N, C-alpha and C. Protein backbone atom coordinates (compact mmCIF):
# COMPACT_ATOMS: atom_id res chain seq x y z
N UNK A 1 -128.72 -34.34 -30.19
CA UNK A 1 -129.41 -35.58 -30.53
C UNK A 1 -128.57 -36.33 -31.56
N UNK A 2 -128.06 -37.45 -31.17
CA UNK A 2 -127.31 -38.28 -32.09
C UNK A 2 -128.29 -39.20 -32.81
N UNK A 3 -128.32 -39.06 -34.10
CA UNK A 3 -129.23 -39.88 -34.90
C UNK A 3 -128.42 -40.88 -35.70
N UNK A 4 -129.02 -42.02 -35.96
CA UNK A 4 -128.34 -43.00 -36.79
C UNK A 4 -128.36 -42.54 -38.25
N UNK A 5 -127.58 -43.22 -39.05
CA UNK A 5 -127.44 -42.81 -40.44
C UNK A 5 -128.75 -42.93 -41.22
N UNK A 6 -129.57 -43.89 -40.88
CA UNK A 6 -130.86 -44.05 -41.57
C UNK A 6 -131.75 -42.83 -41.31
N UNK A 7 -131.80 -42.38 -40.08
CA UNK A 7 -132.61 -41.20 -39.77
C UNK A 7 -132.02 -39.97 -40.46
N UNK A 8 -130.69 -39.87 -40.49
CA UNK A 8 -130.06 -38.74 -41.17
C UNK A 8 -130.44 -38.72 -42.65
N UNK A 9 -130.31 -39.85 -43.34
CA UNK A 9 -130.64 -39.87 -44.76
C UNK A 9 -132.13 -39.61 -44.96
N UNK A 10 -132.97 -40.03 -44.03
CA UNK A 10 -134.40 -39.75 -44.14
C UNK A 10 -134.72 -38.28 -43.88
N UNK A 11 -133.98 -37.64 -42.99
CA UNK A 11 -134.18 -36.20 -42.78
C UNK A 11 -133.74 -35.42 -44.02
N UNK A 12 -132.65 -35.85 -44.61
CA UNK A 12 -132.20 -35.19 -45.84
C UNK A 12 -133.24 -35.43 -46.94
N UNK A 13 -133.74 -36.66 -47.03
CA UNK A 13 -134.77 -36.98 -48.02
C UNK A 13 -135.98 -36.09 -47.85
N UNK A 14 -136.47 -35.97 -46.63
CA UNK A 14 -137.64 -35.14 -46.34
C UNK A 14 -137.38 -33.69 -46.75
N UNK A 15 -136.17 -33.22 -46.51
CA UNK A 15 -135.84 -31.83 -46.85
C UNK A 15 -135.76 -31.61 -48.36
N UNK A 16 -135.59 -32.69 -49.11
CA UNK A 16 -135.46 -32.59 -50.57
C UNK A 16 -136.80 -32.64 -51.30
N UNK A 17 -137.85 -32.99 -50.60
CA UNK A 17 -139.15 -33.16 -51.26
C UNK A 17 -139.78 -31.82 -51.61
N UNK A 18 -140.24 -31.67 -52.85
CA UNK A 18 -140.90 -30.42 -53.22
C UNK A 18 -142.19 -30.23 -52.42
N UNK A 19 -142.42 -29.00 -51.99
CA UNK A 19 -143.63 -28.71 -51.22
C UNK A 19 -143.47 -28.96 -49.73
N UNK A 20 -142.33 -29.52 -49.33
CA UNK A 20 -142.06 -29.76 -47.92
C UNK A 20 -140.93 -28.82 -47.52
N UNK A 21 -141.27 -27.69 -46.99
CA UNK A 21 -140.26 -26.76 -46.52
C UNK A 21 -139.87 -27.06 -45.09
N UNK A 22 -139.10 -26.16 -44.52
CA UNK A 22 -138.61 -26.34 -43.15
C UNK A 22 -139.75 -26.47 -42.14
N UNK A 23 -140.76 -25.64 -42.29
CA UNK A 23 -141.87 -25.65 -41.32
C UNK A 23 -142.58 -27.00 -41.34
N UNK A 24 -142.92 -27.48 -42.53
CA UNK A 24 -143.62 -28.77 -42.64
C UNK A 24 -142.72 -29.94 -42.22
N UNK A 25 -141.45 -29.87 -42.63
CA UNK A 25 -140.53 -30.95 -42.26
C UNK A 25 -140.40 -31.05 -40.75
N UNK A 26 -140.28 -29.91 -40.08
CA UNK A 26 -140.17 -29.93 -38.61
C UNK A 26 -141.46 -30.44 -37.98
N UNK A 27 -142.59 -29.98 -38.48
CA UNK A 27 -143.88 -30.41 -37.92
C UNK A 27 -144.10 -31.91 -38.12
N UNK A 28 -143.81 -32.40 -39.31
CA UNK A 28 -143.98 -33.84 -39.58
C UNK A 28 -143.05 -34.69 -38.72
N UNK A 29 -141.78 -34.27 -38.65
CA UNK A 29 -140.80 -35.02 -37.86
C UNK A 29 -141.19 -35.04 -36.39
N UNK A 30 -141.67 -33.91 -35.90
CA UNK A 30 -142.08 -33.83 -34.49
C UNK A 30 -143.33 -34.67 -34.25
N UNK A 31 -144.33 -34.52 -35.09
CA UNK A 31 -145.59 -35.23 -34.90
C UNK A 31 -145.41 -36.74 -34.96
N UNK A 32 -144.67 -37.21 -35.96
CA UNK A 32 -144.47 -38.65 -36.14
C UNK A 32 -143.21 -39.17 -35.43
N UNK A 33 -142.51 -38.28 -34.75
CA UNK A 33 -141.35 -38.59 -33.91
C UNK A 33 -140.06 -38.92 -34.66
N UNK A 34 -140.09 -38.97 -35.97
CA UNK A 34 -138.87 -39.15 -36.76
C UNK A 34 -139.21 -38.99 -38.24
N UNK A 35 -138.18 -38.64 -39.01
CA UNK A 35 -138.36 -38.57 -40.46
C UNK A 35 -138.55 -39.98 -41.01
N UNK A 36 -137.92 -40.95 -40.38
CA UNK A 36 -138.07 -42.34 -40.80
C UNK A 36 -139.53 -42.76 -40.72
N UNK A 37 -140.19 -42.41 -39.63
CA UNK A 37 -141.61 -42.76 -39.47
C UNK A 37 -142.46 -42.05 -40.52
N UNK A 38 -142.14 -40.80 -40.83
CA UNK A 38 -142.90 -40.05 -41.84
C UNK A 38 -142.79 -40.75 -43.19
N UNK A 39 -141.58 -41.10 -43.57
CA UNK A 39 -141.36 -41.69 -44.88
C UNK A 39 -141.85 -43.13 -44.99
N UNK A 40 -142.11 -43.76 -43.85
CA UNK A 40 -142.64 -45.13 -43.86
C UNK A 40 -144.17 -45.17 -43.82
N UNK A 41 -144.79 -44.01 -43.70
CA UNK A 41 -146.26 -43.98 -43.67
C UNK A 41 -146.82 -44.53 -44.99
N UNK A 42 -147.84 -45.31 -44.89
CA UNK A 42 -148.48 -45.83 -46.10
C UNK A 42 -149.26 -44.69 -46.78
N UNK A 43 -149.54 -44.88 -48.05
CA UNK A 43 -150.35 -43.89 -48.78
C UNK A 43 -151.68 -43.69 -48.08
N UNK A 44 -152.26 -44.79 -47.60
CA UNK A 44 -153.56 -44.74 -46.92
C UNK A 44 -153.47 -43.88 -45.65
N UNK A 45 -152.43 -44.09 -44.85
CA UNK A 45 -152.27 -43.31 -43.62
C UNK A 45 -152.01 -41.84 -43.92
N UNK A 46 -151.25 -41.57 -44.96
CA UNK A 46 -151.01 -40.17 -45.34
C UNK A 46 -152.31 -39.49 -45.74
N UNK A 47 -153.09 -40.18 -46.56
CA UNK A 47 -154.36 -39.58 -47.04
C UNK A 47 -155.39 -39.43 -45.91
N UNK A 48 -155.25 -40.23 -44.86
CA UNK A 48 -156.18 -40.16 -43.72
C UNK A 48 -155.85 -39.00 -42.77
N UNK A 49 -154.68 -38.42 -42.92
CA UNK A 49 -154.29 -37.32 -42.04
C UNK A 49 -155.03 -36.06 -42.45
N UNK A 50 -155.90 -35.53 -41.59
CA UNK A 50 -156.72 -34.37 -41.96
C UNK A 50 -155.94 -33.06 -42.05
N UNK A 51 -154.73 -33.02 -41.53
CA UNK A 51 -153.94 -31.79 -41.52
C UNK A 51 -153.13 -31.62 -42.80
N UNK A 52 -152.76 -32.72 -43.43
CA UNK A 52 -151.91 -32.64 -44.62
C UNK A 52 -152.72 -32.28 -45.86
N UNK A 53 -152.24 -31.28 -46.57
CA UNK A 53 -152.88 -30.88 -47.82
C UNK A 53 -152.51 -31.89 -48.92
N UNK A 54 -153.32 -31.94 -49.93
CA UNK A 54 -153.10 -32.93 -51.00
C UNK A 54 -151.74 -32.76 -51.67
N UNK A 55 -151.26 -31.51 -51.84
CA UNK A 55 -149.95 -31.33 -52.51
C UNK A 55 -148.81 -31.85 -51.63
N UNK A 56 -148.96 -31.81 -50.31
CA UNK A 56 -147.95 -32.36 -49.41
C UNK A 56 -147.98 -33.89 -49.51
N UNK A 57 -149.17 -34.45 -49.50
CA UNK A 57 -149.31 -35.90 -49.63
C UNK A 57 -148.73 -36.37 -50.96
N UNK A 58 -149.06 -35.66 -52.02
CA UNK A 58 -148.54 -36.03 -53.34
C UNK A 58 -147.02 -35.94 -53.39
N UNK A 59 -146.45 -34.92 -52.72
CA UNK A 59 -144.99 -34.78 -52.67
C UNK A 59 -144.37 -35.96 -51.93
N UNK A 60 -145.00 -36.34 -50.82
CA UNK A 60 -144.48 -37.47 -50.04
C UNK A 60 -144.58 -38.78 -50.80
N UNK A 61 -145.68 -38.97 -51.50
CA UNK A 61 -145.91 -40.23 -52.22
C UNK A 61 -145.11 -40.28 -53.53
N UNK A 62 -145.18 -39.20 -54.29
CA UNK A 62 -144.65 -39.25 -55.65
C UNK A 62 -143.18 -38.98 -55.83
N UNK A 63 -142.53 -38.41 -54.83
CA UNK A 63 -141.14 -37.98 -55.03
C UNK A 63 -140.14 -38.63 -54.09
N UNK A 64 -140.59 -39.58 -53.29
CA UNK A 64 -139.71 -40.18 -52.28
C UNK A 64 -138.48 -40.86 -52.89
N UNK A 65 -138.68 -41.61 -53.96
CA UNK A 65 -137.55 -42.37 -54.52
C UNK A 65 -136.47 -41.45 -55.05
N UNK A 66 -136.87 -40.42 -55.81
CA UNK A 66 -135.88 -39.49 -56.36
C UNK A 66 -135.20 -38.70 -55.25
N UNK A 67 -135.98 -38.28 -54.25
CA UNK A 67 -135.41 -37.53 -53.13
C UNK A 67 -134.45 -38.40 -52.34
N UNK A 68 -134.77 -39.67 -52.19
CA UNK A 68 -133.90 -40.60 -51.46
C UNK A 68 -132.56 -40.77 -52.18
N UNK A 69 -132.61 -40.87 -53.50
CA UNK A 69 -131.37 -41.00 -54.28
C UNK A 69 -130.50 -39.77 -54.08
N UNK A 70 -131.11 -38.59 -54.17
CA UNK A 70 -130.35 -37.34 -53.95
C UNK A 70 -129.81 -37.28 -52.52
N UNK A 71 -130.60 -37.72 -51.56
CA UNK A 71 -130.18 -37.70 -50.16
C UNK A 71 -128.99 -38.62 -49.92
N UNK A 72 -129.00 -39.78 -50.54
CA UNK A 72 -127.88 -40.71 -50.37
C UNK A 72 -126.60 -40.12 -50.96
N UNK A 73 -126.73 -39.44 -52.10
CA UNK A 73 -125.56 -38.78 -52.69
C UNK A 73 -125.07 -37.66 -51.78
N UNK A 74 -126.00 -36.91 -51.21
CA UNK A 74 -125.64 -35.83 -50.30
C UNK A 74 -124.96 -36.40 -49.05
N UNK A 75 -125.46 -37.51 -48.54
CA UNK A 75 -124.84 -38.14 -47.38
C UNK A 75 -123.41 -38.57 -47.69
N UNK A 76 -123.18 -39.14 -48.86
CA UNK A 76 -121.83 -39.52 -49.27
C UNK A 76 -120.92 -38.30 -49.25
N UNK A 77 -121.41 -37.18 -49.80
CA UNK A 77 -120.64 -35.94 -49.84
C UNK A 77 -120.34 -35.45 -48.41
N UNK A 78 -121.35 -35.48 -47.54
CA UNK A 78 -121.21 -35.05 -46.15
C UNK A 78 -120.13 -35.86 -45.44
N UNK A 79 -120.16 -37.16 -45.64
CA UNK A 79 -119.19 -38.04 -44.99
C UNK A 79 -117.79 -37.78 -45.55
N UNK A 80 -117.65 -37.70 -46.88
CA UNK A 80 -116.34 -37.48 -47.51
C UNK A 80 -115.73 -36.15 -47.09
N UNK A 81 -116.54 -35.12 -46.96
CA UNK A 81 -116.05 -33.78 -46.65
C UNK A 81 -116.04 -33.48 -45.15
N UNK A 82 -116.41 -34.48 -44.33
CA UNK A 82 -116.42 -34.33 -42.87
C UNK A 82 -117.28 -33.13 -42.43
N UNK A 83 -118.49 -33.11 -42.93
CA UNK A 83 -119.44 -32.04 -42.62
C UNK A 83 -120.37 -32.52 -41.52
N UNK A 84 -120.62 -31.66 -40.56
CA UNK A 84 -121.56 -31.98 -39.48
C UNK A 84 -122.96 -31.51 -39.89
N UNK A 85 -123.95 -32.28 -39.48
CA UNK A 85 -125.35 -31.91 -39.72
C UNK A 85 -125.98 -31.66 -38.35
N UNK A 86 -126.59 -30.50 -38.22
CA UNK A 86 -127.27 -30.14 -36.98
C UNK A 86 -128.76 -30.09 -37.27
N UNK A 87 -129.53 -30.82 -36.48
CA UNK A 87 -130.97 -30.91 -36.69
C UNK A 87 -131.69 -29.84 -35.88
N UNK A 88 -132.88 -29.52 -36.29
CA UNK A 88 -133.66 -28.50 -35.59
C UNK A 88 -133.95 -28.88 -34.15
N UNK A 89 -133.94 -30.17 -33.83
CA UNK A 89 -134.22 -30.63 -32.47
C UNK A 89 -132.96 -31.09 -31.73
N UNK A 90 -131.81 -30.69 -32.24
CA UNK A 90 -130.53 -31.03 -31.65
C UNK A 90 -130.15 -30.00 -30.59
N UNK A 91 -129.46 -30.43 -29.56
CA UNK A 91 -129.04 -29.51 -28.49
C UNK A 91 -128.06 -28.46 -29.01
N UNK A 92 -127.39 -28.73 -30.13
CA UNK A 92 -126.44 -27.78 -30.71
C UNK A 92 -127.08 -26.83 -31.72
N UNK A 93 -128.37 -26.96 -31.95
CA UNK A 93 -129.06 -26.05 -32.87
C UNK A 93 -129.04 -24.65 -32.26
N UNK A 94 -128.67 -23.65 -33.04
CA UNK A 94 -128.54 -22.29 -32.49
C UNK A 94 -129.84 -21.81 -31.83
N UNK A 95 -129.72 -21.35 -30.58
CA UNK A 95 -130.91 -20.91 -29.85
C UNK A 95 -131.71 -19.82 -30.55
N UNK A 96 -131.00 -18.89 -31.20
CA UNK A 96 -131.73 -17.81 -31.87
C UNK A 96 -132.54 -18.32 -33.06
N UNK A 97 -132.16 -19.45 -33.63
CA UNK A 97 -132.95 -20.03 -34.72
C UNK A 97 -134.13 -20.85 -34.20
N UNK A 98 -134.03 -21.32 -32.96
CA UNK A 98 -135.13 -22.08 -32.37
C UNK A 98 -136.38 -21.22 -32.24
N UNK A 99 -136.18 -19.93 -32.16
CA UNK A 99 -137.31 -19.01 -32.03
C UNK A 99 -137.90 -18.59 -33.37
N UNK A 100 -137.30 -19.05 -34.45
CA UNK A 100 -137.81 -18.74 -35.80
C UNK A 100 -138.67 -19.90 -36.27
N UNK A 101 -139.96 -19.67 -36.48
CA UNK A 101 -140.82 -20.77 -36.91
C UNK A 101 -140.37 -21.39 -38.24
N UNK A 102 -139.73 -20.58 -39.09
CA UNK A 102 -139.28 -21.10 -40.37
C UNK A 102 -137.76 -21.27 -40.42
N UNK A 103 -137.16 -21.45 -39.23
CA UNK A 103 -135.72 -21.71 -39.18
C UNK A 103 -135.40 -23.00 -39.92
N UNK A 104 -134.16 -23.18 -40.31
CA UNK A 104 -133.78 -24.36 -41.10
C UNK A 104 -134.08 -25.68 -40.40
N UNK A 105 -134.49 -26.63 -41.18
CA UNK A 105 -134.73 -28.00 -40.71
C UNK A 105 -133.39 -28.67 -40.40
N UNK A 106 -132.43 -28.47 -41.27
CA UNK A 106 -131.09 -29.00 -41.12
C UNK A 106 -130.08 -27.88 -41.32
N UNK A 107 -129.00 -27.92 -40.57
CA UNK A 107 -127.88 -27.00 -40.77
C UNK A 107 -126.65 -27.84 -41.08
N UNK A 108 -125.83 -27.36 -41.98
CA UNK A 108 -124.60 -28.04 -42.32
C UNK A 108 -123.45 -27.18 -41.83
N UNK A 109 -122.48 -27.82 -41.15
CA UNK A 109 -121.38 -27.09 -40.55
C UNK A 109 -120.09 -27.85 -40.79
N UNK A 110 -119.07 -27.10 -41.16
CA UNK A 110 -117.75 -27.70 -41.36
C UNK A 110 -116.77 -27.00 -40.44
N UNK A 111 -116.04 -27.77 -39.70
CA UNK A 111 -115.03 -27.20 -38.81
C UNK A 111 -115.57 -26.91 -37.43
N UNK A 112 -114.74 -26.25 -36.63
CA UNK A 112 -115.06 -26.05 -35.22
C UNK A 112 -115.94 -24.83 -34.92
N UNK A 113 -116.63 -24.33 -35.89
CA UNK A 113 -117.45 -23.13 -35.68
C UNK A 113 -118.46 -23.35 -34.56
N UNK A 114 -118.63 -22.29 -33.77
CA UNK A 114 -119.63 -22.33 -32.71
C UNK A 114 -121.02 -22.12 -33.31
N UNK A 115 -122.02 -22.69 -32.67
CA UNK A 115 -123.39 -22.44 -33.12
C UNK A 115 -124.04 -21.32 -32.32
N UNK A 116 -123.30 -20.78 -31.35
CA UNK A 116 -123.82 -19.64 -30.58
C UNK A 116 -122.74 -18.56 -30.44
N UNK A 117 -122.19 -18.09 -31.56
CA UNK A 117 -121.15 -17.06 -31.48
C UNK A 117 -121.74 -15.70 -31.12
N UNK A 118 -120.87 -14.79 -30.68
CA UNK A 118 -121.33 -13.43 -30.37
C UNK A 118 -121.79 -12.73 -31.65
N UNK A 119 -121.04 -12.91 -32.72
CA UNK A 119 -121.41 -12.35 -34.01
C UNK A 119 -121.74 -13.51 -34.95
N UNK A 120 -122.77 -13.33 -35.74
CA UNK A 120 -123.08 -14.39 -36.70
C UNK A 120 -123.78 -13.80 -37.91
N UNK A 121 -123.61 -14.49 -39.01
CA UNK A 121 -124.26 -14.11 -40.26
C UNK A 121 -124.85 -15.39 -40.84
N UNK A 122 -126.07 -15.31 -41.28
CA UNK A 122 -126.69 -16.45 -41.93
C UNK A 122 -126.90 -16.11 -43.40
N UNK A 123 -126.53 -17.02 -44.24
CA UNK A 123 -126.73 -16.84 -45.68
C UNK A 123 -127.66 -17.95 -46.13
N UNK A 124 -128.81 -17.56 -46.61
CA UNK A 124 -129.81 -18.51 -47.06
C UNK A 124 -129.95 -18.34 -48.56
N UNK A 125 -129.90 -19.45 -49.26
CA UNK A 125 -129.99 -19.36 -50.72
C UNK A 125 -130.80 -20.49 -51.30
N UNK A 126 -130.91 -20.44 -52.59
CA UNK A 126 -131.67 -21.42 -53.34
C UNK A 126 -130.85 -22.69 -53.53
N UNK A 127 -131.54 -23.81 -53.66
CA UNK A 127 -130.84 -25.06 -53.95
C UNK A 127 -130.15 -25.00 -55.31
N UNK A 128 -130.75 -24.29 -56.22
CA UNK A 128 -130.18 -24.16 -57.58
C UNK A 128 -129.71 -22.73 -57.77
N UNK A 129 -128.64 -22.40 -57.07
CA UNK A 129 -128.13 -21.03 -57.12
C UNK A 129 -127.57 -20.71 -58.51
N UNK A 130 -127.73 -19.46 -58.90
CA UNK A 130 -127.17 -19.00 -60.18
C UNK A 130 -125.68 -18.75 -60.02
N UNK A 131 -124.98 -18.64 -61.12
CA UNK A 131 -123.55 -18.33 -61.08
C UNK A 131 -123.33 -16.97 -60.42
N UNK A 132 -124.20 -16.01 -60.73
CA UNK A 132 -124.09 -14.68 -60.11
C UNK A 132 -124.29 -14.78 -58.60
N UNK A 133 -125.29 -15.54 -58.16
CA UNK A 133 -125.55 -15.70 -56.73
C UNK A 133 -124.38 -16.32 -56.00
N UNK A 134 -123.78 -17.34 -56.61
CA UNK A 134 -122.61 -17.98 -56.01
C UNK A 134 -121.43 -17.01 -55.93
N UNK A 135 -121.21 -16.29 -57.02
CA UNK A 135 -120.11 -15.33 -57.07
C UNK A 135 -120.29 -14.23 -56.03
N UNK A 136 -121.50 -13.68 -55.96
CA UNK A 136 -121.78 -12.61 -55.00
C UNK A 136 -121.61 -13.11 -53.57
N UNK A 137 -122.10 -14.30 -53.29
CA UNK A 137 -121.99 -14.87 -51.95
C UNK A 137 -120.54 -15.08 -51.57
N UNK A 138 -119.75 -15.58 -52.50
CA UNK A 138 -118.33 -15.80 -52.26
C UNK A 138 -117.64 -14.47 -51.92
N UNK A 139 -117.93 -13.44 -52.68
CA UNK A 139 -117.34 -12.11 -52.45
C UNK A 139 -117.79 -11.56 -51.09
N UNK A 140 -119.06 -11.69 -50.79
CA UNK A 140 -119.60 -11.20 -49.52
C UNK A 140 -118.93 -11.90 -48.34
N UNK A 141 -118.82 -13.21 -48.41
CA UNK A 141 -118.22 -13.97 -47.30
C UNK A 141 -116.75 -13.61 -47.14
N UNK A 142 -116.03 -13.47 -48.25
CA UNK A 142 -114.61 -13.09 -48.18
C UNK A 142 -114.45 -11.72 -47.50
N UNK A 143 -115.29 -10.78 -47.90
CA UNK A 143 -115.21 -9.43 -47.31
C UNK A 143 -115.57 -9.46 -45.82
N UNK A 144 -116.56 -10.20 -45.45
CA UNK A 144 -116.91 -10.31 -44.03
C UNK A 144 -115.76 -10.94 -43.24
N UNK A 145 -115.15 -11.98 -43.78
CA UNK A 145 -114.05 -12.66 -43.10
C UNK A 145 -112.84 -11.73 -42.97
N UNK A 146 -112.54 -10.97 -44.02
CA UNK A 146 -111.40 -10.05 -43.99
C UNK A 146 -111.57 -8.96 -42.93
N UNK A 147 -112.81 -8.60 -42.66
CA UNK A 147 -113.09 -7.55 -41.68
C UNK A 147 -113.51 -8.12 -40.32
N UNK A 148 -113.28 -9.42 -40.15
CA UNK A 148 -113.59 -10.11 -38.90
C UNK A 148 -115.03 -9.88 -38.43
N UNK A 149 -115.94 -9.94 -39.37
CA UNK A 149 -117.35 -9.75 -39.04
C UNK A 149 -118.05 -11.06 -38.83
């Protein structure tokens, strides 16, 4: 699925909102047919949705501007570093992740890596990783690469 830049920045924005994890982001994007449509919902329409909990509504209403600013910076970084973004509803989204209800909303990929390799490792971490976490992950990835894992 090729999305325009506005939808990309809106998907990144949605992923940055507190209280909106992968499951909710995917459900909202699917239900409203785009992240752009979700973020354009009026406060009144959000509050009228019987499925959305108040903390989700508050996250959507109260944090959009800050999340949008972060998303635009992230988009600049993605473009400068030539990083590909794979969406949960993209044909290139890894099939084994499609079966995970809490699989990532967005995947970031650099280079010609396959999304359906015979061997794969997924590393999931916090947005605010500690120095120890970064160091350990770097060591782990280096060791896996050295052993062709």
